[in-house]
Protein backbone atom coordinates (compact mmCIF):
# COMPACT_ATOMS: atom_id res chain seq x y z
CA MET A 1 -46.86 181.65 111.15
CA PRO A 2 -50.40 180.10 111.24
CA VAL A 3 -51.79 183.28 109.64
CA ILE A 4 -49.26 182.99 106.83
CA MET A 5 -50.15 179.32 106.30
CA ILE A 6 -53.88 180.09 106.17
CA SER A 7 -53.23 182.90 103.71
CA PHE A 8 -51.10 180.58 101.58
CA ILE A 9 -53.77 177.86 101.58
CA LYS A 10 -56.46 180.37 100.61
CA LYS A 11 -54.32 181.71 97.80
CA TYR A 12 -53.30 178.36 96.34
CA PHE A 13 -56.21 176.15 97.46
CA VAL A 14 -57.81 175.87 94.03
CA GLN A 15 -54.50 175.13 92.33
CA THR A 16 -53.58 172.52 94.94
CA VAL A 17 -56.92 170.71 94.70
CA SER A 18 -56.76 170.84 90.90
CA ILE A 19 -53.29 169.29 90.90
CA LEU A 20 -54.36 166.56 93.34
CA LEU A 21 -57.41 165.71 91.24
CA ALA A 22 -55.36 165.72 88.03
CA LEU A 23 -52.78 163.39 89.55
CA LEU A 24 -55.54 161.12 90.83
CA PHE A 25 -57.24 160.86 87.43
CA ILE A 26 -53.96 160.40 85.53
CA TYR A 27 -52.81 157.70 87.93
CA ALA A 28 -56.16 155.92 87.85
CA ALA A 29 -56.43 156.09 84.05
CA ALA A 30 -52.84 154.99 83.50
CA SER A 31 -53.27 152.03 85.88
CA LYS A 32 -56.36 150.91 83.99
CA LEU A 33 -54.68 151.39 80.61
CA LEU A 34 -51.65 149.30 81.59
CA ASP A 35 -53.90 146.35 82.41
CA PHE A 36 -56.84 147.21 80.18
CA ALA A 37 -58.11 143.67 79.57
CA ASN A 38 -58.29 143.03 83.31
CA PHE A 39 -59.99 146.41 83.85
CA GLN A 40 -62.69 145.50 81.31
CA VAL A 41 -63.28 142.16 83.03
CA GLN A 42 -63.54 143.82 86.44
CA LEU A 43 -66.05 146.33 85.09
CA ALA A 44 -68.02 143.47 83.59
CA GLN A 45 -68.14 141.86 87.04
CA SER A 46 -69.89 144.92 88.41
CA PRO A 47 -73.53 144.28 89.29
CA LEU A 48 -74.41 147.73 87.87
CA LEU A 49 -72.23 147.99 84.81
CA SER A 50 -71.86 144.50 83.34
CA ALA A 51 -74.13 145.18 80.34
CA TYR A 52 -72.25 148.36 79.45
CA ALA A 53 -68.69 147.33 80.37
CA GLY A 54 -67.28 147.65 76.84
CA ILE A 55 -68.43 151.23 76.24
CA ILE A 56 -67.86 152.41 79.81
CA SER A 57 -64.28 151.07 79.94
CA TYR A 58 -63.26 153.37 77.06
CA LEU A 59 -65.44 156.24 78.21
CA ILE A 60 -63.95 156.33 81.73
CA LEU A 61 -60.39 156.39 80.37
CA ILE A 62 -61.15 159.21 77.93
CA ILE A 63 -63.02 161.30 80.53
CA GLU A 64 -60.33 160.83 83.21
CA PHE A 65 -57.53 161.92 80.84
CA LEU A 66 -59.52 164.89 79.46
CA VAL A 67 -60.54 166.11 82.92
CA ALA A 68 -56.94 165.79 84.15
CA ILE A 69 -55.71 167.95 81.26
CA ALA A 70 -58.53 170.50 81.73
CA LEU A 71 -57.69 170.83 85.43
CA CYS A 72 -54.19 172.00 84.52
CA LEU A 73 -55.46 174.81 82.27
CA PRO A 74 -56.76 177.99 83.96
CA ILE A 75 -59.28 178.67 81.17
CA SER A 76 -61.05 175.31 81.67
CA ARG A 77 -60.38 174.75 85.37
CA LEU A 78 -63.84 175.63 86.66
CA LEU A 79 -65.58 173.37 84.16
CA ALA A 80 -63.07 170.59 84.97
CA LEU A 81 -63.77 170.97 88.69
CA TYR A 82 -67.49 170.49 88.02
CA ALA A 83 -66.63 167.38 85.98
CA SER A 84 -64.41 166.16 88.84
CA LEU A 85 -67.26 166.69 91.30
CA ALA A 86 -69.60 164.71 89.05
CA LEU A 87 -67.12 161.85 88.65
CA MET A 88 -66.23 161.61 92.34
CA ALA A 89 -69.90 161.83 93.39
CA ALA A 90 -70.81 159.07 90.92
CA PHE A 91 -67.94 156.86 92.14
CA THR A 92 -68.96 157.52 95.75
CA ILE A 93 -72.64 156.64 95.35
CA TYR A 94 -71.64 153.57 93.31
CA ILE A 95 -69.46 152.24 96.12
CA TYR A 96 -72.13 153.05 98.70
CA LEU A 97 -74.76 151.08 96.74
CA ILE A 98 -72.45 148.12 96.24
CA LEU A 99 -71.53 147.96 99.93
CA ASN A 100 -75.06 148.35 101.27
CA TYR A 101 -77.44 146.85 98.72
CA SER A 102 -75.56 144.30 96.66
CA ASP A 103 -75.11 140.65 97.65
CA PHE A 104 -72.26 140.50 95.17
CA ILE A 105 -69.22 142.74 95.76
CA PRO A 106 -66.99 142.74 92.66
CA CYS A 107 -63.23 142.95 92.51
CA SER A 108 -61.58 146.33 92.47
CA CYS A 109 -61.41 148.12 89.17
CA GLY A 110 -57.79 149.14 89.03
CA GLY A 111 -55.61 151.99 90.14
CA ILE A 112 -56.25 153.34 93.58
CA LEU A 113 -59.06 150.85 94.12
CA GLU A 114 -56.58 147.99 94.13
CA LYS A 115 -54.68 149.57 97.01
CA LEU A 116 -57.70 150.34 99.17
CA GLY A 117 -60.63 148.32 100.40
CA TRP A 118 -64.13 149.33 99.34
CA LYS A 119 -64.97 151.04 102.65
CA GLU A 120 -61.64 152.88 102.72
CA HIS A 121 -62.19 154.01 99.14
CA LEU A 122 -65.63 155.30 100.05
CA ILE A 123 -64.05 157.58 102.66
CA PHE A 124 -61.32 158.54 100.16
CA ASN A 125 -63.94 159.53 97.58
CA ILE A 126 -66.01 161.54 100.06
CA CYS A 127 -62.90 163.57 100.91
CA PHE A 128 -62.31 164.37 97.24
CA VAL A 129 -65.98 165.26 96.74
CA LEU A 130 -65.63 167.81 99.53
CA LEU A 131 -62.33 169.11 98.15
CA SER A 132 -63.87 169.48 94.66
CA PHE A 133 -66.84 171.36 96.11
CA GLY A 134 -64.55 173.65 98.12
CA ALA A 135 -62.41 174.43 95.07
CA ILE A 136 -65.51 175.20 92.97
CA VAL A 137 -66.80 177.62 95.62
CA ALA A 138 -63.41 179.34 95.94
CA LEU A 139 -62.85 179.68 92.19
CA SER A 140 -66.44 180.79 91.54
CA ARG A 141 -66.14 183.57 94.14
CA ASN A 142 -62.88 184.73 92.57
CA SER A 143 -64.59 184.74 89.17
CA GLY A 144 -67.48 186.85 90.41
CA PHE A 145 -70.20 184.19 90.50
CA LYS A 146 -72.86 184.54 93.19
CA MET A 147 -72.87 181.94 95.95
CA ARG A 148 -76.48 181.05 95.21
CA THR A 149 -75.61 180.27 91.58
CA THR A 150 -72.62 178.18 92.59
CA LEU A 151 -74.64 176.13 95.06
CA ALA A 152 -77.35 175.57 92.46
CA PHE A 153 -74.89 174.32 89.84
CA THR A 154 -73.02 172.06 92.29
CA THR A 155 -76.32 170.60 93.52
CA ILE A 156 -77.54 169.92 89.98
CA THR A 157 -74.19 168.35 89.04
CA THR A 158 -74.15 166.07 92.08
CA VAL A 159 -77.79 165.05 91.77
CA LEU A 160 -77.49 164.27 88.05
CA SER A 161 -74.33 162.18 88.43
CA CYS A 162 -75.72 160.26 91.42
CA GLY A 163 -79.08 159.89 89.70
CA ILE A 164 -77.53 158.17 86.69
CA VAL A 165 -75.82 155.63 88.96
CA ILE A 166 -79.01 155.05 90.96
CA LEU A 167 -80.97 154.43 87.74
CA LEU A 168 -78.37 151.85 86.70
CA PHE A 169 -78.74 150.32 90.16
CA LEU A 170 -82.52 150.10 89.97
CA GLY A 171 -82.38 148.51 86.52
CA SER A 172 -79.67 146.00 87.33
CA GLU A 173 -80.75 142.38 87.03
CA HIS A 174 -77.81 141.40 89.18
CA ILE A 175 -78.77 143.60 92.14
CA VAL A 176 -82.50 143.06 92.39
CA LYS A 177 -83.30 139.50 93.39
CA LYS A 178 -85.58 137.97 90.82
CA GLU A 179 -88.42 135.65 91.64
CA ASN A 180 -87.48 132.21 90.35
CA ASN A 181 -89.70 129.42 89.13
CA PHE A 182 -89.77 127.28 92.26
CA THR A 183 -91.71 127.32 95.51
CA ARG A 184 -90.28 126.84 98.97
CA ARG A 185 -92.09 125.09 101.81
CA PHE A 186 -91.36 127.07 104.95
CA LEU A 187 -91.58 124.97 108.10
CA VAL A 188 -93.26 126.32 111.22
CA HIS A 189 -90.53 127.34 113.69
CA PRO A 190 -88.09 124.51 112.89
CA VAL A 191 -85.39 126.27 114.94
CA ILE A 192 -85.99 128.36 118.04
CA GLY A 193 -83.67 131.22 118.86
CA GLU A 194 -82.33 131.06 122.41
CA LYS A 195 -80.85 133.74 124.60
CA LYS A 196 -77.54 132.02 124.15
CA ILE A 197 -75.17 134.51 122.63
CA LEU A 198 -71.37 134.58 122.86
CA ASP A 199 -69.83 137.97 122.13
CA LEU A 200 -66.63 137.91 120.11
CA ASP A 201 -64.13 140.69 119.57
CA ARG A 202 -64.43 140.83 115.77
CA PRO A 203 -66.42 139.36 112.85
CA ASP A 204 -63.59 137.28 111.32
CA TYR A 205 -64.34 133.93 112.97
CA TYR A 206 -65.44 130.68 111.35
CA PHE A 207 -66.48 127.30 112.75
CA ALA A 208 -63.62 124.82 112.96
CA GLY A 209 -65.51 121.88 114.50
CA TYR A 210 -67.34 120.60 117.55
CA ASP A 211 -67.61 117.71 120.00
CA ASP A 212 -70.04 116.75 122.77
CA GLU A 213 -68.96 119.57 125.08
CA HIS A 214 -67.41 122.27 122.92
CA ILE A 215 -67.52 124.19 119.68
CA TYR A 216 -64.31 125.40 118.07
CA LEU A 217 -63.62 128.60 116.16
CA GLY A 218 -60.80 129.72 113.89
CA ASN A 219 -59.99 133.29 112.91
CA ARG A 220 -59.05 134.50 109.42
CA ILE A 221 -57.09 137.52 110.69
CA PHE A 222 -55.30 135.68 113.52
CA PRO A 223 -55.05 132.16 112.08
CA GLN A 224 -52.92 130.73 114.92
CA ILE A 225 -55.62 131.38 117.52
CA LEU A 226 -57.93 128.45 118.31
CA THR A 227 -61.00 129.53 120.30
CA THR A 228 -62.87 126.95 122.37
CA ALA A 229 -66.36 127.66 123.70
CA ASP A 230 -68.62 125.41 125.74
CA THR A 231 -71.81 124.33 123.99
CA ALA A 232 -73.91 126.51 126.31
CA LEU A 233 -71.92 129.57 125.15
CA ASN A 234 -71.13 130.58 128.71
CA SER A 235 -67.36 130.83 128.37
CA MET A 236 -64.52 130.59 125.91
CA GLN A 237 -60.77 129.97 125.94
CA LEU A 238 -58.09 131.03 123.48
CA MET A 239 -54.97 129.10 122.60
CA LYS A 240 -52.15 130.21 120.31
CA ILE A 241 -50.93 127.34 118.15
CA GLU A 242 -47.17 126.96 117.87
CA PRO A 243 -46.25 124.73 114.92
CA ASP A 244 -42.84 123.06 114.79
CA ASN A 245 -41.91 124.99 111.62
CA MET A 246 -43.35 128.34 110.56
CA ASN A 247 -40.69 129.20 107.97
CA HIS A 248 -43.13 129.25 105.09
CA LYS A 249 -44.87 132.00 103.10
CA PHE A 250 -48.40 131.23 104.25
CA SER A 251 -51.35 132.74 102.43
CA ASN A 252 -54.41 130.82 103.64
CA LEU A 253 -53.92 129.22 107.05
CA ARG A 254 -57.02 127.45 108.36
CA LEU A 255 -58.03 125.35 111.38
CA GLN A 256 -60.15 122.24 111.74
CA VAL A 257 -60.90 120.13 114.84
CA ASN A 258 -61.65 116.42 114.73
CA ASN A 259 -61.68 113.62 117.30
CA GLY A 260 -59.55 115.28 119.99
CA PHE A 261 -57.02 116.85 117.61
CA TYR A 262 -56.74 120.16 115.77
CA TYR A 263 -55.38 120.41 112.25
CA PHE A 264 -53.63 123.55 111.06
CA TYR A 265 -53.08 123.75 107.31
CA ASP A 266 -52.37 125.81 104.21
CA GLY A 267 -52.92 124.21 100.82
CA THR A 268 -50.73 126.77 99.01
CA ILE A 269 -47.53 125.47 100.65
CA PRO A 270 -48.86 122.73 101.05
CA ILE A 271 -48.65 121.70 104.69
CA ILE A 272 -50.78 120.10 107.41
CA TYR A 273 -49.92 120.32 111.11
CA ARG A 274 -51.58 118.35 113.87
CA GLY A 275 -51.78 118.93 117.60
CA ARG A 276 -53.75 117.52 120.52
CA LEU A 277 -56.49 119.75 121.93
CA GLY A 278 -55.15 121.67 124.93
CA ASN A 279 -51.57 121.43 123.69
CA PRO A 280 -50.37 124.46 121.65
CA HIS A 281 -47.46 122.56 120.07
CA ALA A 282 -48.35 121.19 116.62
CA LYS A 283 -46.19 118.88 114.55
CA THR A 284 -45.92 118.68 110.78
CA LEU A 285 -48.08 115.80 109.59
CA SER A 286 -47.87 116.34 105.83
CA PHE A 287 -45.58 118.53 103.75
CA GLN A 288 -45.73 118.96 99.96
CA ASP A 289 -47.80 115.82 99.51
CA ALA A 290 -50.61 117.59 97.64
CA TYR A 291 -51.67 121.15 96.90
CA PHE A 292 -55.30 121.92 97.73
CA ASN A 293 -57.85 124.72 98.08
CA GLN A 294 -60.29 122.84 100.33
CA LEU A 295 -59.70 120.19 102.99
CA ILE A 296 -61.89 117.97 105.16
CA VAL A 297 -60.34 115.89 107.94
CA LEU A 298 -61.63 112.30 107.72
CA ASP A 299 -59.36 110.71 110.32
CA SER A 300 -55.79 111.07 111.57
CA ALA A 301 -54.27 109.99 108.25
CA ARG A 302 -56.92 110.64 105.57
CA PHE A 303 -58.11 113.95 104.15
CA ALA A 304 -60.68 114.83 101.51
CA LEU A 305 -59.32 117.54 99.21
CA ARG A 306 -60.34 119.70 96.37
CA THR A 307 -57.30 120.39 94.24
CA GLN A 308 -56.41 121.46 90.73
CA SER A 309 -55.18 118.93 88.21
CA SER A 310 -51.68 119.71 86.95
CA ALA A 311 -52.62 118.13 83.61
CA THR A 312 -56.00 119.74 82.89
CA LYS A 313 -55.84 122.76 85.28
CA GLN A 314 -59.39 121.86 86.27
CA PHE A 315 -60.74 121.44 89.81
CA THR A 316 -60.92 117.86 90.95
CA LEU A 317 -61.66 115.95 94.16
CA ALA A 318 -58.88 113.96 95.75
CA LEU A 319 -58.10 111.70 98.69
CA LEU A 320 -54.88 112.24 100.64
CA ASP A 321 -54.01 109.03 102.52
CA LEU A 322 -50.73 109.35 104.41
CA ASN A 323 -50.55 105.57 104.92
CA SER A 324 -50.85 104.64 101.27
CA ASP A 325 -48.48 104.70 98.32
CA PRO A 326 -49.06 106.87 96.38
CA LYS A 327 -50.49 109.18 99.02
CA ILE A 328 -52.79 111.09 96.67
CA LYS A 329 -55.60 109.70 94.52
CA LEU A 330 -57.59 111.91 92.15
CA PHE A 331 -61.25 111.52 91.20
CA PRO A 332 -61.57 113.71 88.06
CA GLU A 333 -64.78 112.01 86.95
CA HIS A 334 -66.86 113.35 89.87
CA LEU A 335 -66.96 117.07 89.04
CA LYS A 336 -68.75 117.47 85.71
CA LYS A 337 -67.33 120.20 83.48
CA GLN A 338 -69.89 122.44 81.74
CA ILE A 339 -67.78 125.42 80.65
CA ASP A 340 -64.20 125.65 81.92
CA GLY A 341 -63.83 122.99 84.64
CA VAL A 342 -62.89 125.61 87.24
CA PHE A 343 -65.55 128.25 87.85
CA ASP A 344 -68.39 126.07 86.60
CA VAL A 345 -67.52 123.23 89.03
CA ASP A 346 -66.80 125.52 91.98
CA GLY A 347 -68.49 124.44 95.18
CA ASN A 348 -68.02 123.36 98.79
CA ILE A 349 -67.13 120.04 100.42
CA THR A 350 -68.80 119.15 103.69
CA TYR A 351 -68.67 115.98 105.77
CA ASP A 352 -71.48 114.23 107.58
CA LYS A 353 -69.57 112.31 110.27
CA SER A 354 -72.68 110.49 111.44
CA GLN A 355 -73.10 108.88 108.01
CA ASN A 356 -69.48 108.89 106.86
CA ASN A 357 -70.65 110.78 103.80
CA LEU A 358 -68.91 113.50 101.85
CA ILE A 359 -71.18 116.02 100.10
CA TYR A 360 -70.07 118.37 97.36
CA THR A 361 -72.52 121.19 96.61
CA TYR A 362 -72.01 123.23 93.44
CA LEU A 363 -72.12 127.02 93.81
CA TYR A 364 -73.57 127.84 90.39
CA ARG A 365 -75.93 124.95 89.62
CA ASN A 366 -78.69 123.02 91.41
CA GLU A 367 -76.73 119.88 92.15
CA TYR A 368 -74.99 118.13 95.02
CA LEU A 369 -72.99 114.89 95.09
CA ILE A 370 -73.17 112.23 97.82
CA MET A 371 -70.02 110.12 98.30
CA ASP A 372 -68.68 107.83 100.99
CA ASN A 373 -65.44 108.79 102.71
CA TRP A 374 -63.41 106.90 100.09
CA PHE A 375 -64.96 109.09 97.37
CA ARG A 376 -67.15 106.34 95.98
CA LEU A 377 -70.07 108.16 94.38
CA LYS A 378 -73.44 107.16 95.82
CA ASN A 379 -75.88 109.63 94.29
CA THR A 380 -76.29 112.93 92.52
CA PHE A 381 -79.27 114.99 93.67
CA ASN A 382 -80.77 118.37 92.80
CA THR A 383 -81.77 121.39 94.84
CA ILE A 384 -85.26 122.82 94.28
CA ASP A 385 -84.25 125.62 91.90
CA THR A 386 -84.02 125.07 88.14
CA THR A 387 -80.46 126.23 87.43
CA ARG A 388 -79.00 123.09 85.84
CA ILE A 389 -76.34 124.94 83.81
CA ALA A 390 -73.93 127.34 85.54
CA GLN A 391 -74.79 130.88 84.42
CA ILE A 392 -71.29 132.32 84.23
CA LYS A 393 -69.16 134.01 81.59
CA ILE A 394 -65.41 133.46 81.48
CA THR A 395 -62.69 135.54 79.85
CA LYS A 396 -59.07 134.48 79.35
CA LEU A 397 -56.63 137.33 79.97
CA ALA A 398 -53.39 137.89 78.08
CA ASP A 399 -51.31 136.42 80.94
CA GLY A 400 -53.29 133.16 80.79
CA ARG A 401 -55.49 133.82 83.82
CA HIS A 402 -59.23 133.18 83.64
CA LYS A 403 -61.73 135.59 85.20
CA MET A 404 -65.47 135.96 85.26
CA ASN A 405 -66.54 138.82 83.02
CA ALA A 406 -70.07 139.13 84.44
CA PRO A 407 -71.61 138.74 87.89
CA PRO A 408 -72.36 135.04 88.32
CA LEU A 409 -75.72 133.65 89.35
CA LYS A 410 -74.83 132.07 92.68
CA VAL A 411 -77.26 129.27 93.53
CA ASN A 412 -75.87 127.71 96.70
CA ARG A 413 -73.69 129.72 99.09
CA GLN A 414 -72.63 127.17 101.75
CA SER A 415 -73.73 123.80 103.11
CA VAL A 416 -73.49 121.80 106.33
CA ALA A 417 -74.56 118.17 106.77
CA PHE A 418 -75.67 116.24 109.83
CA GLY A 419 -77.60 113.00 110.33
CA GLY A 420 -78.28 112.48 106.65
CA VAL A 421 -79.70 115.99 106.21
CA LEU A 422 -78.05 118.68 104.08
CA PHE A 423 -78.57 122.23 105.34
CA ASN A 424 -77.96 124.45 102.33
CA GLN A 425 -77.87 128.27 102.35
CA SER A 426 -79.48 129.23 99.06
CA ASP A 427 -78.94 132.50 97.21
CA LEU A 428 -82.11 132.40 95.10
CA MET A 429 -85.54 133.77 95.91
CA GLY A 430 -88.50 131.53 95.09
CA LYS A 431 -92.06 132.28 94.06
CA LEU A 432 -94.16 134.57 96.25
CA GLU A 433 -91.33 135.20 98.71
CA SER A 434 -91.04 138.54 100.41
CA ARG A 435 -88.23 140.82 99.24
CA GLU A 436 -88.29 142.40 102.69
CA ALA A 437 -87.62 138.99 104.25
CA TRP A 438 -84.69 138.44 101.91
CA LYS A 439 -83.21 141.76 102.97
CA ALA A 440 -83.65 140.87 106.64
CA ALA A 441 -82.59 137.21 106.66
CA LYS A 442 -80.72 134.30 105.09
CA VAL A 443 -82.61 131.24 103.93
CA ILE A 444 -81.68 127.61 104.68
CA ASP A 445 -83.07 124.78 102.54
CA MET A 446 -82.95 121.19 103.84
CA TYR A 447 -82.54 118.00 101.80
CA ARG A 448 -82.16 114.29 102.47
CA THR A 449 -78.82 112.80 101.46
CA ASP A 450 -80.07 109.20 101.19
CA ARG A 451 -82.69 110.05 98.56
CA GLN A 452 -83.96 112.89 96.40
CA GLU A 453 -86.17 114.75 98.86
CA TYR A 454 -86.61 118.39 99.77
CA ILE A 455 -87.60 118.68 103.44
CA GLY A 456 -88.35 122.37 103.81
CA SER A 457 -86.83 125.78 104.51
CA PHE A 458 -86.44 128.40 107.23
CA TYR A 459 -85.02 131.88 107.74
CA ILE A 460 -82.14 132.97 109.96
CA TYR A 461 -82.75 136.66 110.58
CA ASN A 462 -80.15 139.40 110.71
CA LYS A 463 -79.54 141.47 113.80
CA LYS A 464 -79.52 145.01 112.47
CA GLU A 465 -76.58 145.05 110.05
CA MET A 466 -75.10 141.77 111.29
CA LYS A 467 -75.78 138.88 108.92
CA MET A 468 -75.12 135.15 109.18
CA HIS A 469 -71.76 134.31 107.61
CA ASP A 470 -71.22 130.76 108.90
CA PHE A 471 -73.21 128.07 110.68
CA LEU A 472 -72.79 124.73 112.40
CA ILE A 473 -75.29 121.91 112.93
CA THR A 474 -75.35 119.35 115.74
CA GLU A 475 -78.16 117.01 116.75
CA LYS A 476 -79.76 119.44 119.20
CA TYR A 477 -78.50 122.85 118.15
CA MET A 478 -77.70 125.14 115.29
CA TYR A 479 -74.89 127.60 115.96
CA VAL A 480 -74.73 130.75 113.84
CA LEU A 481 -71.91 133.25 113.42
CA ARG A 482 -73.64 136.58 112.96
CA GLY A 483 -71.36 139.59 112.83
CA ASP A 484 -69.17 139.43 115.92
CA GLU A 485 -71.29 136.99 117.93
CA VAL A 486 -72.20 133.31 118.14
CA VAL A 487 -75.92 132.57 118.48
CA ARG A 488 -77.45 129.24 119.49
CA TYR A 489 -80.75 127.94 118.11
CA ARG A 490 -82.56 124.84 119.34
CA ILE A 491 -83.44 122.38 116.60
CA ARG A 492 -86.99 121.08 116.92
CA ASP A 493 -88.35 117.61 116.20
CA ILE A 494 -89.76 118.71 112.83
CA ILE A 495 -86.14 118.62 111.62
CA LYS A 496 -84.70 115.93 113.88
CA LYS A 497 -87.25 113.37 112.70
CA ASN A 498 -85.46 113.39 109.35
CA TYR A 499 -82.10 112.38 110.84
CA VAL A 500 -80.87 108.98 109.72
CA ARG A 501 -79.55 107.07 112.73
CA GLY A 502 -77.31 104.16 113.35
CA GLU A 503 -75.68 103.93 109.92
CA ALA A 504 -72.17 104.90 110.89
CA GLU A 505 -71.93 105.98 114.50
CA ASN A 506 -74.11 107.16 117.33
CA LEU A 507 -75.23 110.75 116.99
CA HIS A 508 -74.15 113.16 119.66
């Protein structure tokens, strides 16, 4: 029986691979065609292809359909297999470059890509490259071509297709970090790395809060798990949260710890649970009071939100006060619209508990807002770069959705505030900065929140392929989530001397 199967595979291998490739290309092309406007936008988001999205969108469809047809015809099958090898090799090297060398990973581009993650699709493509190569070798031998000739043609085909993609990569303004017209002041060892590392089981954690003795972690994959670690990173404990009602279609459950309580919430429901630390049972605190996409716990009854106005559909800041009537108050005047009021005002809320200040840092412009915890605006300050207008392009799809149709210039990635100092992870490279350093580290810029003042900058270096994806600041320490570990850094006096003390509460 095995001999018969092997003989069957040998006999029909080329036909089988050809059919699989044809089905793949037809499915992929048809999926793109059915949602063509969205496909064009997703191509435009590509760091490599944004400038050529219009032409390439049509070209890919035509090529995929033509190759699929040619694969089904014996007279053109060999040529079609070479074309399939070129396409699959180009797609493979494209995904590899995006995953390994791009800071910006675009959305999927339709068809199979929407069903698989980027890494899974890389493996998928490699398999089809190998199948295409095998079919070419088999068909060439049956047609009387010498093995040396076949290997030469397959090598040339693969190198040319990959070379075109690599040239696009090297010329992409969205991949290569440009030197911008500002200069950083790098402080001398402002944080000192300690041999304080807590190993985690996976890289999906985020910081949920801290107190004098502990730091708290949430997990995006297992959202009901609250992880507590001592500040020395010697031990950790896990607790599974059990809310009083889980009969909801959750999509973005998150955790936050504040003043002896944990808060478990999902702004798409919307719902907020609260439980006491050490007790897994959480009770519903707020239900359908306000939809939100960001939340900061201010106290047991007040929450700072970023929500979307039902009237304008634009992002706006809001205060949810469970003891007031009405419970929700909007502050639409704070976020200044430049383009669409959504993407252009995108950013992150952080809270400086020591100063009772809320800070909103824009993602795509050099600006951050300082407000008290009642959303009274105190000041608007600028980061050191010169991007005053968000450099984004927006397209409205036929179904009414808005999407970016080009890779955005991200200015500020995330921010944390403590003691009147804003620690901002920037995404822009300044004058005379080393490209090698940018590949090996993330940069943190520091600013005062009581006045317009840039304090200085420092690097947080990667550990091999593990990069910083979240951080937490206390008076003495900086905690960094890097890959699947927590790392502790000691904050030196060169930073701590900038802390503002005594304004709201004693610093820890």
